Protein backbone atom coordinates (compact mmCIF):
# COMPACT_ATOMS: atom_id res chain seq x y z
CA MET A 1 45.83 71.93 -111.76
CA SER A 2 49.50 72.66 -112.08
CA ALA A 3 51.51 70.93 -114.68
CA GLY A 4 52.94 67.57 -113.70
CA GLN A 5 50.13 66.83 -111.21
CA LYS A 6 47.89 63.87 -111.82
CA SER A 7 44.21 64.03 -111.33
CA PHE A 8 42.54 61.67 -108.84
CA THR A 9 40.82 59.95 -111.67
CA GLU A 10 44.13 59.06 -113.19
CA LEU A 11 45.22 57.18 -110.09
CA PRO A 12 44.54 53.42 -110.05
CA SER A 13 41.54 52.35 -108.01
CA TRP A 14 42.24 50.88 -104.59
CA GLY A 15 42.99 47.23 -104.86
CA ALA A 16 42.82 47.25 -108.64
CA GLN A 17 45.23 45.02 -110.48
CA SER A 18 47.17 45.73 -113.59
CA HIS A 19 45.95 44.31 -116.88
CA GLY A 20 46.42 40.58 -117.12
CA SER A 21 46.75 40.01 -113.39
CA VAL A 22 44.24 38.01 -111.32
CA SER A 23 43.10 38.77 -107.81
CA TYR A 24 43.29 36.17 -105.02
CA ALA A 25 39.49 36.09 -104.94
CA GLN A 26 39.39 35.30 -108.65
CA LYS A 27 42.04 32.61 -108.21
CA ASP A 28 40.03 30.95 -105.41
CA ARG A 29 36.85 31.03 -107.46
CA SER A 30 38.61 29.68 -110.50
CA SER A 31 40.04 26.85 -108.40
CA THR A 32 36.63 26.13 -106.86
CA ASP A 33 34.95 26.10 -110.27
CA SER A 34 37.57 23.71 -111.59
CA THR A 35 37.16 21.40 -108.60
CA PHE A 36 33.36 21.45 -108.92
CA VAL A 37 33.53 20.66 -112.64
CA SER A 38 35.89 17.77 -111.97
CA TRP A 39 33.68 16.42 -109.13
CA ASN A 40 30.56 16.88 -111.23
CA GLN A 41 32.08 14.94 -114.12
CA THR A 42 33.24 12.14 -111.83
CA HIS A 43 29.92 11.99 -109.99
CA THR A 44 27.98 12.01 -113.23
CA LYS A 45 30.14 9.21 -114.56
CA LYS A 46 29.51 7.20 -111.38
CA LEU A 47 25.77 7.78 -111.65
CA ILE A 48 25.80 6.62 -115.26
CA GLN A 49 27.79 3.50 -114.34
CA GLN A 50 25.48 2.81 -111.41
CA GLY A 51 22.45 3.21 -113.64
CA LYS A 52 23.93 0.81 -116.18
CA ALA A 53 24.73 -1.71 -113.44
CA GLU A 54 21.19 -1.50 -112.02
CA THR A 55 19.71 -1.89 -115.50
CA ALA A 56 21.92 -4.92 -116.19
CA ALA A 57 20.98 -6.45 -112.81
CA ALA A 58 17.28 -5.91 -113.52
CA GLN A 59 17.64 -7.51 -116.96
CA THR A 60 19.52 -10.48 -115.49
CA LYS A 61 16.86 -10.92 -112.81
CA GLN A 62 14.13 -10.78 -115.41
CA GLU A 63 15.95 -13.27 -117.63
CA ASN A 64 16.52 -15.62 -114.68
CA GLY A 65 12.88 -15.31 -113.73
CA THR A 66 11.84 -16.08 -117.29
CA LYS A 67 14.17 -19.09 -117.39
CA ALA A 68 12.84 -20.33 -114.04
CA ASN A 69 9.26 -19.94 -115.20
CA THR A 70 10.08 -21.71 -118.45
CA ALA A 71 11.80 -24.56 -116.59
CA ALA A 72 8.86 -24.87 -114.18
CA ALA A 73 6.45 -24.90 -117.10
CA LYS A 74 8.48 -27.64 -118.80
CA VAL A 75 8.52 -29.74 -115.62
CA LYS A 76 4.78 -29.27 -115.19
CA ALA A 77 4.16 -30.15 -118.83
CA SER A 78 6.41 -33.21 -118.54
CA ALA A 79 4.56 -34.36 -115.42
CA ALA A 80 1.24 -33.86 -117.17
CA VAL A 81 2.45 -35.86 -120.17
CA ALA A 82 3.78 -38.59 -117.89
CA GLY A 83 0.50 -38.72 -115.98
CA SER A 84 -1.45 -38.83 -119.21
CA SER A 85 0.85 -41.55 -120.53
CA ILE A 86 0.33 -43.66 -117.40
CA GLN A 87 -3.42 -43.29 -117.59
CA HIS A 88 -3.58 -44.05 -121.30
CA SER A 89 -1.27 -47.08 -121.05
CA THR A 90 -3.18 -48.62 -118.13
CA PRO A 91 -5.51 -51.34 -119.46
CA THR A 92 -9.21 -50.84 -119.02
CA GLN A 93 -10.02 -54.41 -120.03
CA LEU A 94 -8.45 -57.49 -118.45
CA TYR A 95 -8.25 -60.85 -120.21
CA PHE A 96 -8.25 -64.17 -118.35
CA THR A 97 -8.27 -67.85 -118.96
CA ARG A 98 -9.45 -70.20 -116.25
CA THR A 99 -5.95 -70.37 -114.78
CA LYS A 100 -4.15 -67.07 -115.54
CA LEU A 101 -4.21 -63.38 -116.41
CA LEU A 102 -3.18 -62.83 -120.01
CA PRO A 103 -0.94 -60.07 -121.39
CA GLN A 104 -2.89 -57.48 -123.37
CA ASP A 105 -1.55 -58.75 -126.70
CA HIS A 106 -2.83 -62.30 -125.96
CA LYS A 107 -6.46 -61.30 -125.55
CA ALA A 108 -7.54 -63.67 -128.33
CA GLN A 109 -6.86 -66.56 -125.94
CA ALA A 110 -9.16 -65.18 -123.24
CA THR A 111 -12.10 -67.20 -121.98
CA TRP A 112 -13.49 -64.25 -120.04
CA THR A 113 -12.84 -60.53 -119.64
CA TYR A 114 -13.12 -57.97 -116.88
CA ALA A 115 -13.87 -54.26 -117.40
CA LEU A 116 -11.60 -52.24 -115.11
CA SER A 117 -12.91 -48.87 -113.87
CA ASP A 118 -10.75 -45.91 -112.81
CA LYS A 119 -12.07 -46.36 -109.27
CA GLU A 120 -10.92 -49.98 -109.18
CA ARG A 121 -7.51 -49.06 -110.57
CA LEU A 122 -7.14 -46.52 -107.76
CA MET A 123 -8.16 -49.19 -105.23
CA LEU A 124 -5.40 -51.45 -106.56
CA GLU A 125 -2.88 -48.62 -106.28
CA ARG A 126 -3.96 -47.94 -102.70
CA ILE A 127 -3.70 -51.55 -101.57
CA VAL A 128 -0.22 -51.82 -103.09
CA MET A 129 0.80 -48.59 -101.34
CA ALA A 130 -0.78 -49.65 -98.05
CA GLU A 131 0.66 -53.17 -98.05
CA ALA A 132 4.05 -52.62 -99.72
CA GLU A 133 5.09 -48.98 -99.35
CA GLY A 134 8.51 -49.91 -97.94
CA GLU A 135 8.94 -53.05 -100.02
CA PRO A 136 11.08 -53.56 -103.14
CA TYR A 137 9.46 -52.72 -106.47
CA LYS A 138 9.08 -56.42 -107.29
CA GLY A 139 7.21 -56.83 -104.02
CA LYS A 140 4.77 -54.10 -105.05
CA VAL A 141 4.08 -55.85 -108.35
CA ALA A 142 3.64 -59.14 -106.49
CA VAL A 143 0.98 -57.67 -104.18
CA ALA A 144 -0.96 -56.50 -107.25
CA ASN A 145 -0.50 -59.98 -108.75
CA VAL A 146 -2.09 -61.57 -105.68
CA VAL A 147 -5.18 -59.36 -105.93
CA LEU A 148 -5.56 -60.10 -109.63
CA ASN A 149 -5.03 -63.84 -109.03
CA ARG A 150 -7.88 -63.77 -106.52
CA LEU A 151 -10.07 -61.87 -108.97
CA ARG A 152 -9.53 -64.64 -111.51
CA SER A 153 -9.99 -67.55 -109.08
CA ALA A 154 -13.42 -69.06 -108.51
CA ASN A 155 -12.54 -69.37 -104.81
CA PHE A 156 -12.60 -65.61 -104.26
CA PRO A 157 -15.05 -62.75 -104.98
CA ASP A 158 -15.76 -61.60 -108.52
CA THR A 159 -14.83 -57.90 -108.33
CA ILE A 160 -11.70 -56.08 -107.22
CA ARG A 161 -13.62 -54.19 -104.58
CA ASP A 162 -15.11 -57.37 -103.12
CA VAL A 163 -11.71 -59.08 -103.17
CA LEU A 164 -10.18 -56.23 -101.18
CA TYR A 165 -13.05 -55.92 -98.72
CA GLN A 166 -13.40 -59.62 -98.08
CA LYS A 167 -13.34 -59.98 -94.31
CA TYR A 168 -9.99 -60.53 -92.59
CA GLN A 169 -8.02 -60.65 -95.85
CA PHE A 170 -6.15 -57.34 -96.11
CA SER A 171 -5.23 -55.72 -92.81
CA PRO A 172 -4.92 -52.14 -94.18
CA VAL A 173 -8.56 -52.31 -95.23
CA GLY A 174 -9.54 -53.36 -91.72
CA ASN A 175 -7.44 -50.76 -89.86
CA GLY A 176 -8.23 -47.83 -92.16
CA ARG A 177 -4.78 -47.33 -93.67
CA PHE A 178 -6.15 -48.31 -97.07
CA ASP A 179 -8.41 -45.22 -97.10
CA ARG A 180 -5.69 -42.84 -95.87
CA VAL A 181 -2.78 -43.57 -98.19
CA LYS A 182 -2.01 -41.69 -101.37
CA PRO A 183 -0.34 -43.96 -103.96
CA ASN A 184 3.20 -42.95 -104.90
CA ALA A 185 4.78 -43.26 -108.33
CA ASP A 186 6.13 -46.78 -107.74
CA SER A 187 2.76 -48.08 -106.57
CA ILE A 188 1.03 -46.61 -109.61
CA LYS A 189 3.64 -48.05 -111.95
CA ALA A 190 3.57 -51.47 -110.27
CA VAL A 191 -0.19 -51.71 -110.69
CA ARG A 192 0.01 -50.63 -114.31
CA GLU A 193 2.63 -53.26 -115.10
CA ALA A 194 0.73 -55.97 -113.24
CA LEU A 195 -2.41 -55.12 -115.21
CA GLN A 196 -0.38 -55.34 -118.42
CA GLY A 197 0.74 -58.84 -117.50
CA ARG A 198 3.97 -58.52 -115.51
CA LYS A 199 4.19 -61.27 -112.89
CA GLU A 200 6.57 -61.49 -109.96
CA VAL A 201 4.67 -64.48 -108.51
CA PRO A 202 2.82 -67.30 -110.34
CA ASP A 203 -0.90 -67.16 -111.09
CA ASN A 204 -1.67 -69.65 -108.31
CA THR A 205 -0.24 -67.34 -105.60
CA TYR A 206 -3.10 -66.09 -103.41
CA TYR A 207 -1.53 -65.02 -100.11
CA PHE A 208 1.33 -63.03 -98.66
CA VAL A 209 2.35 -62.57 -95.04
CA SER A 210 4.97 -60.52 -93.23
CA LEU A 211 6.18 -63.23 -90.88
CA SER A 212 7.98 -60.76 -88.61
CA LEU A 213 4.71 -58.88 -87.96
CA ALA A 214 2.14 -61.66 -88.22
CA THR A 215 -0.05 -62.57 -85.25
CA ASP A 216 -2.03 -65.20 -87.15
CA PHE A 217 -0.03 -68.06 -88.63
CA ALA A 218 -2.90 -69.95 -90.24
CA ILE A 219 -1.59 -69.25 -93.76
CA PRO A 220 2.09 -70.03 -93.07
CA ASN A 221 1.10 -73.23 -91.28
CA SER A 222 -1.24 -74.47 -93.99
CA ARG A 223 0.06 -73.13 -97.30
CA THR A 224 3.07 -73.77 -99.49
CA VAL A 225 5.71 -71.08 -99.76
CA VAL A 226 6.23 -69.73 -103.29
CA THR A 227 8.87 -67.08 -102.72
CA LYS A 228 9.98 -64.30 -100.42
CA ILE A 229 10.31 -60.69 -101.62
CA GLY A 230 11.42 -58.11 -99.10
CA HIS A 231 9.53 -58.66 -95.85
CA HIS A 232 6.68 -60.57 -97.49
CA THR A 233 6.51 -64.32 -97.93
CA PHE A 234 4.13 -65.42 -100.68
CA PHE A 235 2.06 -68.60 -100.55
CA LYS A 236 -0.11 -70.68 -102.84
């Protein structure tokens, strides 16, 4: 080649850039890479935050479930203790004189005693529920008092069952309600207190009638009124 001519190899390649310059393609790629990195970091951060939130929610749910189970267990245990307390505090032996039922701590004065079975206690609870479900608490105790007064009296049968099933005496026994009812808490408590000696009517009270519902007025027409509690009028 003649002097001053450049060889082909000395010429820059087509489209080549000088040192330190960047092609448009490289710029676009660099921009894309930067955008992807930024999105990836943001997305990763969101995923981490979401994971933490889900973990926290799961822990809260588990803690709430544990608390609920604990609370339910406490309620169940409390109910069991209450039920046990009621059963253990209900007398199994009744103490009478010729004219009255004695409190449990006066048993030394008794002239006769009566062994109370669980079945008879349940019968008392049922008759109170059947006769006085909608009555005031005092009225529930009074119904139990009447049954126990009859048990003591020589003019009525000698067992709780026979007192309750004496013909034409307690209408729920005759119409079947007595067998269908399930005693509620007030009925159970009223019976327990009556057995322990609480009295809302005197020991010579043997009858009660709901005058607004009565169809037979033999008792109201022949007996002396003692008191009225709720819808029931009590007679001796």
